Amino acid sequence: MTTTDPNPTAAVLIVGNEILSGRTKDANLPHIAEKLGEQGIRMREARVVPDVEEEVVAAVNALRSRYTYVFTTGGIGPTHDDITSECVAKAFGVALERNPEAVARLERHYGDPSKLNEARLRMANIPEGGELIDNPISAAPGFRIGNVYVMAGVPNIMQAMLDGVLPRLKGGAPIHARTVSCALAEGVLAADLGALQERYPDLEIGSYPYFRRGDFGVSLVLRGTDEAAVERATEDLVGIVQRLGGTPTVTVGSKG
């Protein structure tokens, strides 16, 4: 994929046994999806793979050929199971090099040369041709190669890296969203909701049930690049909910 797509798409590749085991709960995917959506970049896929070389390489190659942007999180630290950089190099068929600028950043961060051991220097290994992604928190950089952006797994570090990356991305038309919440059951709404989707095929209309403070309900989310169409569909949906005996609450955005 190229970065000049008029309707850019993205995928996230989460690398780490700790996510698959349940030991660590991923917090990066929703943050990345929200920030990309604000720039008109649609998140289309997310994968979680273990710290296994062939699986990481295969996933990188599959995703980078299909989507405008790929963001990986995790696996760029100093330990033996941090293999993302090596795997991305293999996916692109280039050498993994000790990057002088990355080394210099680590040297400035640690100050005392005795603290910059070989394990920490592994974080300066970057695929040939990779462009560094700043890490203002702990210095060890991520990198971009092709349309793949490799970032840390620690959420606050990943978020800082992403903040630096976002201005470089070419987005598409802004994605507008409205949420209609009510206390009706999905089964009551299903037929009318399906008919509404048929009338507005260019919009994404999703139904998300919830249980809050002892009450059941549903959040109906409408998303699309045509704000006028989103508004019209929202008005139609409000009418449907009222006709079925519900009391709709409309909010801007996709949080119900």
C-alpha atoms as a PDB file:
ATOM      1  CA  MET A   1       0.000   0.000   0.000  1.00  0.00           C
ATOM      2  CA  THR A   2       1.083   3.615  -0.525  1.00  0.00           C
ATOM      3  CA  THR A   3       0.811   6.546   1.842  1.00  0.00           C
ATOM      4  CA  THR A   4      -1.091   8.560  -0.793  1.00  0.00           C
ATOM      5  CA  ASP A   5      -4.303   6.530  -0.530  1.00  0.00           C
ATOM      6  CA  PRO A   6      -7.352   8.869  -0.517  1.00  0.00           C
ATOM      7  CA  ASN A   7      -8.977   6.625   2.098  1.00  0.00           C
ATOM      8  CA  PRO A   8      -6.026   5.514   4.229  1.00  0.00           C
ATOM      9  CA  THR A   9      -6.296   2.431   6.406  1.00  0.00           C
ATOM     10  CA  ALA A  10      -4.273   1.055   9.272  1.00  0.00           C
ATOM     11  CA  ALA A  11      -3.552  -2.098  11.226  1.00  0.00           C
ATOM     12  CA  VAL A  12      -1.987  -2.677  14.616  1.00  0.00           C
ATOM     13  CA  LEU A  13       0.305  -5.603  15.340  1.00  0.00           C
ATOM     14  CA  ILE A  14       0.694  -6.294  19.057  1.00  0.00           C
ATOM     15  CA  VAL A  15       3.731  -8.424  19.826  1.00  0.00           C
ATOM     16  CA  GLY A  16       4.097 -10.234  23.115  1.00  0.00           C
ATOM     17  CA  ASN A  17       3.460 -13.463  24.964  1.00  0.00           C
ATOM     18  CA  GLU A  18       2.334 -11.419  27.965  1.00  0.00           C
ATOM     19  CA  ILE A  19      -0.709 -10.148  26.042  1.00  0.00           C
ATOM     20  CA  LEU A  20      -1.708 -13.616  24.852  1.00  0.00           C
ATOM     21  CA  SER A  21      -1.311 -15.104  28.341  1.00  0.00           C
ATOM     22  CA  GLY A  22      -3.570 -12.455  29.848  1.00  0.00           C
ATOM     23  CA  ARG A  23      -0.860 -11.253  32.204  1.00  0.00           C
ATOM     24  CA  THR A  24      -0.822  -7.819  30.558  1.00  0.00           C
ATOM     25  CA  LYS A  25      -3.937  -6.045  29.346  1.00  0.00           C
ATOM     26  CA  ASP A  26      -3.379  -4.143  26.106  1.00  0.00           C
ATOM     27  CA  ALA A  27      -4.133  -0.427  26.364  1.00  0.00           C
ATOM     28  CA  ASN A  28      -2.513   0.670  23.125  1.00  0.00           C
ATOM     29  CA  LEU A  29      -5.024  -0.438  20.487  1.00  0.00           C
ATOM     30  CA  PRO A  30      -7.920   1.833  21.560  1.00  0.00           C
ATOM     31  CA  HIS A  31      -5.594   4.825  21.871  1.00  0.00           C
ATOM     32  CA  ILE A  32      -4.089   4.296  18.413  1.00  0.00           C
ATOM     33  CA  ALA A  33      -7.508   3.715  16.828  1.00  0.00           C
ATOM     34  CA  GLU A  34      -8.925   6.890  18.368  1.00  0.00           C
ATOM     35  CA  LYS A  35      -5.996   9.074  17.335  1.00  0.00           C
ATOM     36  CA  LEU A  36      -5.932   7.711  13.787  1.00  0.00           C
ATOM     37  CA  GLY A  37      -9.691   8.135  13.448  1.00  0.00           C
ATOM     38  CA  GLU A  38      -9.297  11.822  14.271  1.00  0.00           C
ATOM     39  CA  GLN A  39      -7.084  12.077  11.186  1.00  0.00           C
ATOM     40  CA  GLY A  40      -9.404  10.152   8.904  1.00  0.00           C
ATOM     41  CA  ILE A  41      -7.355   6.944   9.002  1.00  0.00           C
ATOM     42  CA  ARG A  42      -9.564   3.913   9.490  1.00  0.00           C
ATOM     43  CA  MET A  43      -8.394   1.078  11.681  1.00  0.00           C
ATOM     44  CA  ARG A  44      -9.168  -2.107   9.771  1.00  0.00           C
ATOM     45  CA  GLU A  45      -7.344  -4.897  11.595  1.00  0.00           C
ATOM     46  CA  ALA A  46      -5.532  -5.762  14.804  1.00  0.00           C
ATOM     47  CA  ARG A  47      -3.450  -8.861  15.423  1.00  0.00           C
ATOM     48  CA  VAL A  48      -1.739 -10.219  18.515  1.00  0.00           C
ATOM     49  CA  VAL A  49       1.196 -12.550  17.927  1.00  0.00           C
ATOM     50  CA  PRO A  50       3.620 -14.290  20.298  1.00  0.00           C
ATOM     51  CA  ASP A  51       7.352 -13.662  20.558  1.00  0.00           C
ATOM     52  CA  VAL A  52       7.989 -16.137  17.742  1.00  0.00           C
ATOM     53  CA  GLU A  53      10.097 -14.935  14.837  1.00  0.00           C
ATOM     54  CA  GLU A  54       8.267 -16.591  11.961  1.00  0.00           C
ATOM     55  CA  GLU A  55       4.895 -15.409  13.214  1.00  0.00           C
ATOM     56  CA  VAL A  56       5.997 -11.804  13.649  1.00  0.00           C
ATOM     57  CA  VAL A  57       7.661 -11.748  10.217  1.00  0.00           C
ATOM     58  CA  ALA A  58       4.604 -13.270   8.526  1.00  0.00           C
ATOM     59  CA  ALA A  59       2.247 -10.826  10.236  1.00  0.00           C
ATOM     60  CA  VAL A  60       4.350  -7.786   9.318  1.00  0.00           C
ATOM     61  CA  ASN A  61       4.478  -8.807   5.672  1.00  0.00           C
ATOM     62  CA  ALA A  62       0.763  -9.618   5.499  1.00  0.00           C
ATOM     63  CA  LEU A  63      -0.332  -6.353   7.069  1.00  0.00           C
ATOM     64  CA  ARG A  64       2.072  -3.992   5.290  1.00  0.00           C
ATOM     65  CA  SER A  65       0.942  -5.272   1.907  1.00  0.00           C
ATOM     66  CA  ARG A  66      -2.718  -4.728   2.722  1.00  0.00           C
ATOM     67  CA  TYR A  67      -2.944  -1.454   4.661  1.00  0.00           C
ATOM     68  CA  THR A  68      -1.653   2.084   4.260  1.00  0.00           C
ATOM     69  CA  TYR A  69      -0.043   2.104   7.697  1.00  0.00           C
ATOM     70  CA  VAL A  70       1.008  -0.609  10.129  1.00  0.00           C
ATOM     71  CA  PHE A  71       1.813   0.120  13.766  1.00  0.00           C
ATOM     72  CA  THR A  72       3.556  -2.453  15.921  1.00  0.00           C
ATOM     73  CA  THR A  73       3.710  -2.266  19.698  1.00  0.00           C
ATOM     74  CA  GLY A  74       5.992  -4.218  21.996  1.00  0.00           C
ATOM     75  CA  GLY A  75       9.168  -6.230  21.637  1.00  0.00           C
ATOM     76  CA  ILE A  76      11.786  -3.457  21.274  1.00  0.00           C
ATOM     77  CA  GLY A  77      13.244  -3.570  24.783  1.00  0.00           C
ATOM     78  CA  PRO A  78      16.600  -4.930  26.049  1.00  0.00           C
ATOM     79  CA  THR A  79      15.736  -8.565  26.837  1.00  0.00           C
ATOM     80  CA  HIS A  80      16.114 -11.766  24.845  1.00  0.00           C
ATOM     81  CA  ASP A  81      12.405 -11.949  24.008  1.00  0.00           C
ATOM     82  CA  ASP A  82      12.367  -8.448  22.486  1.00  0.00           C
ATOM     83  CA  ILE A  83      12.609  -9.570  18.864  1.00  0.00           C
ATOM     84  CA  THR A  84      10.419  -7.119  16.952  1.00  0.00           C
ATOM     85  CA  SER A  85      13.266  -5.074  15.429  1.00  0.00           C
ATOM     86  CA  GLU A  86      15.030  -8.187  14.175  1.00  0.00           C
ATOM     87  CA  CYS A  87      11.793  -9.582  12.768  1.00  0.00           C
ATOM     88  CA  VAL A  88      10.897  -6.351  10.955  1.00  0.00           C
ATOM     89  CA  ALA A  89      14.389  -6.310   9.392  1.00  0.00           C
ATOM     90  CA  LYS A  90      13.832  -9.859   8.146  1.00  0.00           C
ATOM     91  CA  ALA A  91      10.381  -8.977   6.839  1.00  0.00           C
ATOM     92  CA  PHE A  92      11.925  -6.200   4.726  1.00  0.00           C
ATOM     93  CA  GLY A  93      14.974  -8.259   3.788  1.00  0.00           C
ATOM     94  CA  VAL A  94      17.500  -5.781   5.225  1.00  0.00           C
ATOM     95  CA  ALA A  95      20.258  -5.960   7.814  1.00  0.00           C
ATOM     96  CA  LEU A  96      19.761  -5.106  11.481  1.00  0.00           C
ATOM     97  CA  GLU A  97      22.347  -2.438  12.320  1.00  0.00           C
ATOM     98  CA  ARG A  98      23.614  -0.692  15.445  1.00  0.00           C
ATOM     99  CA  ASN A  99      22.312   2.791  14.670  1.00  0.00           C
ATOM    100  CA  PRO A 100      24.799   5.540  15.660  1.00  0.00           C
ATOM    101  CA  GLU A 101      22.131   8.155  16.376  1.00  0.00           C
ATOM    102  CA  ALA A 102      20.183   5.704  18.514  1.00  0.00           C
ATOM    103  CA  VAL A 103      23.362   4.918  20.451  1.00  0.00           C
ATOM    104  CA  ALA A 104      24.010   8.636  20.965  1.00  0.00           C
ATOM    105  CA  ARG A 105      20.506   9.134  22.353  1.00  0.00           C
ATOM    106  CA  LEU A 106      20.984   6.297  24.808  1.00  0.00           C
ATOM    107  CA  GLU A 107      24.382   7.653  25.851  1.00  0.00           C
ATOM    108  CA  ARG A 108      22.874  11.048  26.594  1.00  0.00           C
ATOM    109  CA  HIS A 109      20.006   9.453  28.500  1.00  0.00           C
ATOM    110  CA  TYR A 110      22.082   7.188  30.739  1.00  0.00           C
ATOM    111  CA  GLY A 111      24.999   9.572  31.205  1.00  0.00           C
ATOM    112  CA  ASP A 112      27.214   7.089  33.053  1.00  0.00           C
ATOM    113  CA  PRO A 113      28.795   4.792  30.398  1.00  0.00           C
ATOM    114  CA  SER A 114      28.744   1.887  32.832  1.00  0.00           C
ATOM    115  CA  LYS A 115      24.938   1.945  32.753  1.00  0.00           C
ATOM    116  CA  LEU A 116      24.817   1.543  28.989  1.00  0.00           C
ATOM    117  CA  ASN A 117      25.452  -2.193  28.900  1.00  0.00           C
ATOM    118  CA  GLU A 118      25.124  -4.492  25.897  1.00  0.00           C
ATOM    119  CA  ALA A 119      21.541  -5.364  26.768  1.00  0.00           C
ATOM    120  CA  ARG A 120      20.515  -1.711  26.629  1.00  0.00           C
ATOM    121  CA  LEU A 121      22.518  -1.199  23.450  1.00  0.00           C
ATOM    122  CA  ARG A 122      20.261  -3.805  21.804  1.00  0.00           C
ATOM    123  CA  MET A 123      17.639  -1.060  21.799  1.00  0.00           C
ATOM    124  CA  ALA A 124      19.830   0.822  19.304  1.00  0.00           C
ATOM    125  CA  ASN A 125      19.593  -2.011  16.744  1.00  0.00           C
ATOM    126  CA  ILE A 126      17.540  -0.650  13.846  1.00  0.00           C
ATOM    127  CA  PRO A 127      16.823  -2.147  10.398  1.00  0.00           C
ATOM    128  CA  GLU A 128      18.978  -0.659   7.646  1.00  0.00           C
ATOM    129  CA  GLY A 129      17.214   2.382   6.225  1.00  0.00           C
ATOM    130  CA  GLY A 130      14.970   2.790   9.254  1.00  0.00           C
ATOM    131  CA  GLU A 131      14.011   6.307  10.360  1.00  0.00           C
ATOM    132  CA  LEU A 132      14.058   6.832  14.130  1.00  0.00           C
ATOM    133  CA  ILE A 133      10.896   7.647  16.085  1.00  0.00           C
ATOM    134  CA  ASP A 134      11.581   9.894  19.070  1.00  0.00           C
ATOM    135  CA  ASN A 135      11.078   8.583  22.584  1.00  0.00           C
ATOM    136  CA  PRO A 136      10.959  11.627  24.878  1.00  0.00           C
ATOM    137  CA  ILE A 137      10.403   9.497  27.984  1.00  0.00           C
ATOM    138  CA  SER A 138      13.126   6.844  28.063  1.00  0.00           C
ATOM    139  CA  ALA A 139      15.210   7.752  24.968  1.00  0.00           C
ATOM    140  CA  ALA A 140      15.254   4.294  23.331  1.00  0.00           C
ATOM    141  CA  PRO A 141      13.748   5.083  19.916  1.00  0.00           C
ATOM    142  CA  GLY A 142      11.219   3.329  17.788  1.00  0.00           C
ATOM    143  CA  PHE A 143      11.557   3.442  14.026  1.00  0.00           C
ATOM    144  CA  ARG A 144       9.746   3.596  10.714  1.00  0.00           C
ATOM    145  CA  ILE A 145      10.624   1.523   7.698  1.00  0.00           C
ATOM    146  CA  GLY A 146       8.376   1.627   4.664  1.00  0.00           C
ATOM    147  CA  ASN A 147       4.818   1.940   5.934  1.00  0.00           C
ATOM    148  CA  VAL A 148       5.578   0.148   9.228  1.00  0.00           C
ATOM    149  CA  TYR A 149       5.919   2.147  12.455  1.00  0.00           C
ATOM    150  CA  VAL A 150       7.563   0.215  15.280  1.00  0.00           C
ATOM    151  CA  MET A 151       6.825   1.507  18.763  1.00  0.00           C
ATOM    152  CA  ALA A 152       7.174   0.551  22.411  1.00  0.00           C
ATOM    153  CA  GLY A 153       4.627  -1.544  24.255  1.00  0.00           C
ATOM    154  CA  VAL A 154       4.600   0.506  27.467  1.00  0.00           C
ATOM    155  CA  PRO A 155       1.499   2.685  27.018  1.00  0.00           C
ATOM    156  CA  ASN A 156       2.853   6.088  28.075  1.00  0.00           C
ATOM    157  CA  ILE A 157       5.964   5.624  25.938  1.00  0.00           C
ATOM    158  CA  MET A 158       3.923   4.401  22.969  1.00  0.00           C
ATOM    159  CA  GLN A 159       1.599   7.389  23.281  1.00  0.00           C
ATOM    160  CA  ALA A 160       4.545   9.801  23.307  1.00  0.00           C
ATOM    161  CA  MET A 161       5.993   8.108  20.225  1.00  0.00           C
ATOM    162  CA  LEU A 162       2.647   8.230  18.433  1.00  0.00           C
ATOM    163  CA  ASP A 163       2.289  11.943  19.188  1.00  0.00           C
ATOM    164  CA  GLY A 164       5.504  12.492  17.242  1.00  0.00           C
ATOM    165  CA  VAL A 165       4.398  10.265  14.369  1.00  0.00           C
ATOM    166  CA  LEU A 166       0.881  11.606  13.799  1.00  0.00           C
ATOM    167  CA  PRO A 167       1.894  14.888  12.101  1.00  0.00           C
ATOM    168  CA  ARG A 168       3.785  12.888   9.450  1.00  0.00           C
ATOM    169  CA  LEU A 169       0.797  10.773   8.437  1.00  0.00           C
ATOM    170  CA  LYS A 170      -1.419  11.626   5.478  1.00  0.00           C
ATOM    171  CA  GLY A 171      -4.994  11.278   6.623  1.00  0.00           C
ATOM    172  CA  GLY A 172      -8.268  11.127   4.778  1.00  0.00           C
ATOM    173  CA  ALA A 173     -11.626  12.777   5.238  1.00  0.00           C
ATOM    174  CA  PRO A 174     -12.508  13.234   8.928  1.00  0.00           C
ATOM    175  CA  ILE A 175     -14.706  10.520  10.376  1.00  0.00           C
ATOM    176  CA  HIS A 176     -17.851  11.868  12.057  1.00  0.00           C
ATOM    177  CA  ALA A 177     -19.665   9.883  14.713  1.00  0.00           C
ATOM    178  CA  ARG A 178     -22.908  10.094  16.666  1.00  0.00           C
ATOM    179  CA  THR A 179     -24.154   7.774  19.398  1.00  0.00           C
ATOM    180  CA  VAL A 180     -27.824   7.204  20.160  1.00  0.00           C
ATOM    181  CA  SER A 181     -28.299   5.476  23.531  1.00  0.00           C
ATOM    182  CA  CYS A 182     -31.537   4.067  24.879  1.00  0.00           C
ATOM    183  CA  ALA A 183     -32.939   1.415  27.208  1.00  0.00           C
ATOM    184  CA  LEU A 184     -34.430  -0.725  24.449  1.00  0.00           C
ATOM    185  CA  ALA A 185     -33.213  -4.270  23.811  1.00  0.00           C
ATOM    186  CA  GLU A 186     -31.258  -5.060  20.650  1.00  0.00           C
ATOM    187  CA  GLY A 187     -33.902  -7.570  19.588  1.00  0.00           C
ATOM    188  CA  VAL A 188     -36.518  -4.821  19.551  1.00  0.00           C
ATOM    189  CA  LEU A 189     -34.356  -2.592  17.375  1.00  0.00           C
ATOM    190  CA  ALA A 190     -32.733  -5.155  15.080  1.00  0.00           C
ATOM    191  CA  ALA A 191     -35.141  -5.075  12.130  1.00  0.00           C
ATOM    192  CA  ASP A 192     -35.346  -1.286  11.948  1.00  0.00           C
ATOM    193  CA  LEU A 193     -31.609  -0.951  12.462  1.00  0.00           C
ATOM    194  CA  GLY A 194     -30.945  -3.297   9.555  1.00  0.00           C
ATOM    195  CA  ALA A 195     -33.287  -1.297   7.328  1.00  0.00           C
ATOM    196  CA  LEU A 196     -31.542   1.921   8.369  1.00  0.00           C
ATOM    197  CA  GLN A 197     -28.184   0.446   7.376  1.00  0.00           C
ATOM    198  CA  GLU A 198     -29.605  -0.419   3.952  1.00  0.00           C
ATOM    199  CA  ARG A 199     -30.735   3.190   3.490  1.00  0.00           C
ATOM    200  CA  TYR A 200     -27.281   4.497   4.428  1.00  0.00           C
ATOM    201  CA  PRO A 201     -24.847   1.961   2.944  1.00  0.00           C
ATOM    202  CA  ASP A 202     -21.871   4.337   3.169  1.00  0.00           C
ATOM    203  CA  LEU A 203     -22.169   4.651   6.944  1.00  0.00           C
ATOM    204  CA  GLU A 204     -21.045   2.228   9.626  1.00  0.00           C
ATOM    205  CA  ILE A 205     -23.904   1.562  12.036  1.00  0.00           C
ATOM    206  CA  GLY A 206     -23.094  -0.561  15.067  1.00  0.00           C
ATOM    207  CA  SER A 207     -25.077  -1.788  18.061  1.00  0.00           C
ATOM    208  CA  TYR A 208     -23.354  -2.171  21.450  1.00  0.00           C
ATOM    209  CA  PRO A 209     -25.395  -3.364  24.443  1.00  0.00           C
ATOM    210  CA  TYR A 210     -24.414  -2.298  27.960  1.00  0.00           C
ATOM    211  CA  PHE A 211     -25.304  -2.922  31.587  1.00  0.00           C
ATOM    212  CA  ARG A 212     -24.912   0.136  33.816  1.00  0.00           C
ATOM    213  CA  ARG A 213     -26.040   0.756  37.370  1.00  0.00           C
ATOM    214  CA  GLY A 214     -28.440  -2.138  37.178  1.00  0.00           C
ATOM    215  CA  ASP A 215     -29.973  -1.114  33.858  1.00  0.00           C
ATOM    216  CA  PHE A 216     -29.648  -2.710  30.432  1.00  0.00           C
ATOM    217  CA  GLY A 217     -29.469  -0.591  27.321  1.00  0.00           C
ATOM    218  CA  VAL A 218     -27.796  -0.183  23.970  1.00  0.00           C
ATOM    219  CA  SER A 219     -25.529   2.361  22.321  1.00  0.00           C
ATOM    220  CA  LEU A 220     -26.124   2.716  18.583  1.00  0.00           C
ATOM    221  CA  VAL A 221     -23.098   4.251  16.873  1.00  0.00           C
ATOM    222  CA  LEU A 222     -23.180   5.865  13.419  1.00  0.00           C
ATOM    223  CA  ARG A 223     -19.876   6.696  11.711  1.00  0.00           C
ATOM    224  CA  GLY A 224     -18.956   8.096   8.317  1.00  0.00           C
ATOM    225  CA  THR A 225     -17.095  10.767   6.402  1.00  0.00           C
ATOM    226  CA  ASP A 226     -20.273  12.515   5.181  1.00  0.00           C
ATOM    227  CA  GLU A 227     -21.333  14.557   8.210  1.00  0.00           C
ATOM    228  CA  ALA A 228     -24.686  15.485   6.671  1.00  0.00           C
ATOM    229  CA  ALA A 229     -25.502  11.813   6.080  1.00  0.00           C
ATOM    230  CA  VAL A 230     -24.501  10.978   9.649  1.00  0.00           C
ATOM    231  CA  GLU A 231     -26.830  13.712  10.911  1.00  0.00           C
ATOM    232  CA  ARG A 232     -29.747  12.532   8.749  1.00  0.00           C
ATOM    233  CA  ALA A 233     -29.283   8.925   9.797  1.00  0.00           C
ATOM    234  CA  THR A 234     -29.094  10.002  13.441  1.00  0.00           C
ATOM    235  CA  GLU A 235     -32.401  11.853  13.112  1.00  0.00           C
ATOM    236  CA  ASP A 236     -33.969   8.784  11.513  1.00  0.00           C
ATOM    237  CA  LEU A 237     -32.629   6.586  14.288  1.00  0.00           C
ATOM    238  CA  VAL A 238     -33.961   8.893  16.986  1.00  0.00           C
ATOM    239  CA  GLY A 239     -37.380   8.590  15.340  1.00  0.00           C
ATOM    240  CA  ILE A 240     -37.117   4.795  15.310  1.00  0.00           C
ATOM    241  CA  VAL A 241     -36.227   4.654  19.011  1.00  0.00           C
ATOM    242  CA  GLN A 242     -39.117   6.954  19.909  1.00  0.00           C
ATOM    243  CA  ARG A 243     -41.577   4.976  17.811  1.00  0.00           C
ATOM    244  CA  LEU A 244     -40.544   1.796  19.620  1.00  0.00           C
ATOM    245  CA  GLY A 245     -41.139   3.390  23.008  1.00  0.00           C
ATOM    246  CA  GLY A 246     -37.589   4.340  23.926  1.00  0.00           C
ATOM    247  CA  THR A 247     -36.081   7.607  25.117  1.00  0.00           C
ATOM    248  CA  PRO A 248     -33.004   8.378  22.971  1.00  0.00           C
ATOM    249  CA  THR A 249     -29.942  10.250  24.180  1.00  0.00           C
ATOM    250  CA  VAL A 250     -27.672  11.591  21.432  1.00  0.00           C
ATOM    251  CA  THR A 251     -23.997  12.316  21.939  1.00  0.00           C
ATOM    252  CA  VAL A 252     -21.325  13.470  19.500  1.00  0.00           C
ATOM    253  CA  GLY A 253     -18.618  10.869  19.075  1.00  0.00           C
ATOM    254  CA  SER A 254     -18.660   7.107  19.410  1.00  0.00           C
ATOM    255  CA  LYS A 255     -18.922   6.799  23.187  1.00  0.00           C
ATOM    256  CA  GLY A 256     -22.340   5.889  24.444  1.00  0.00           C
END
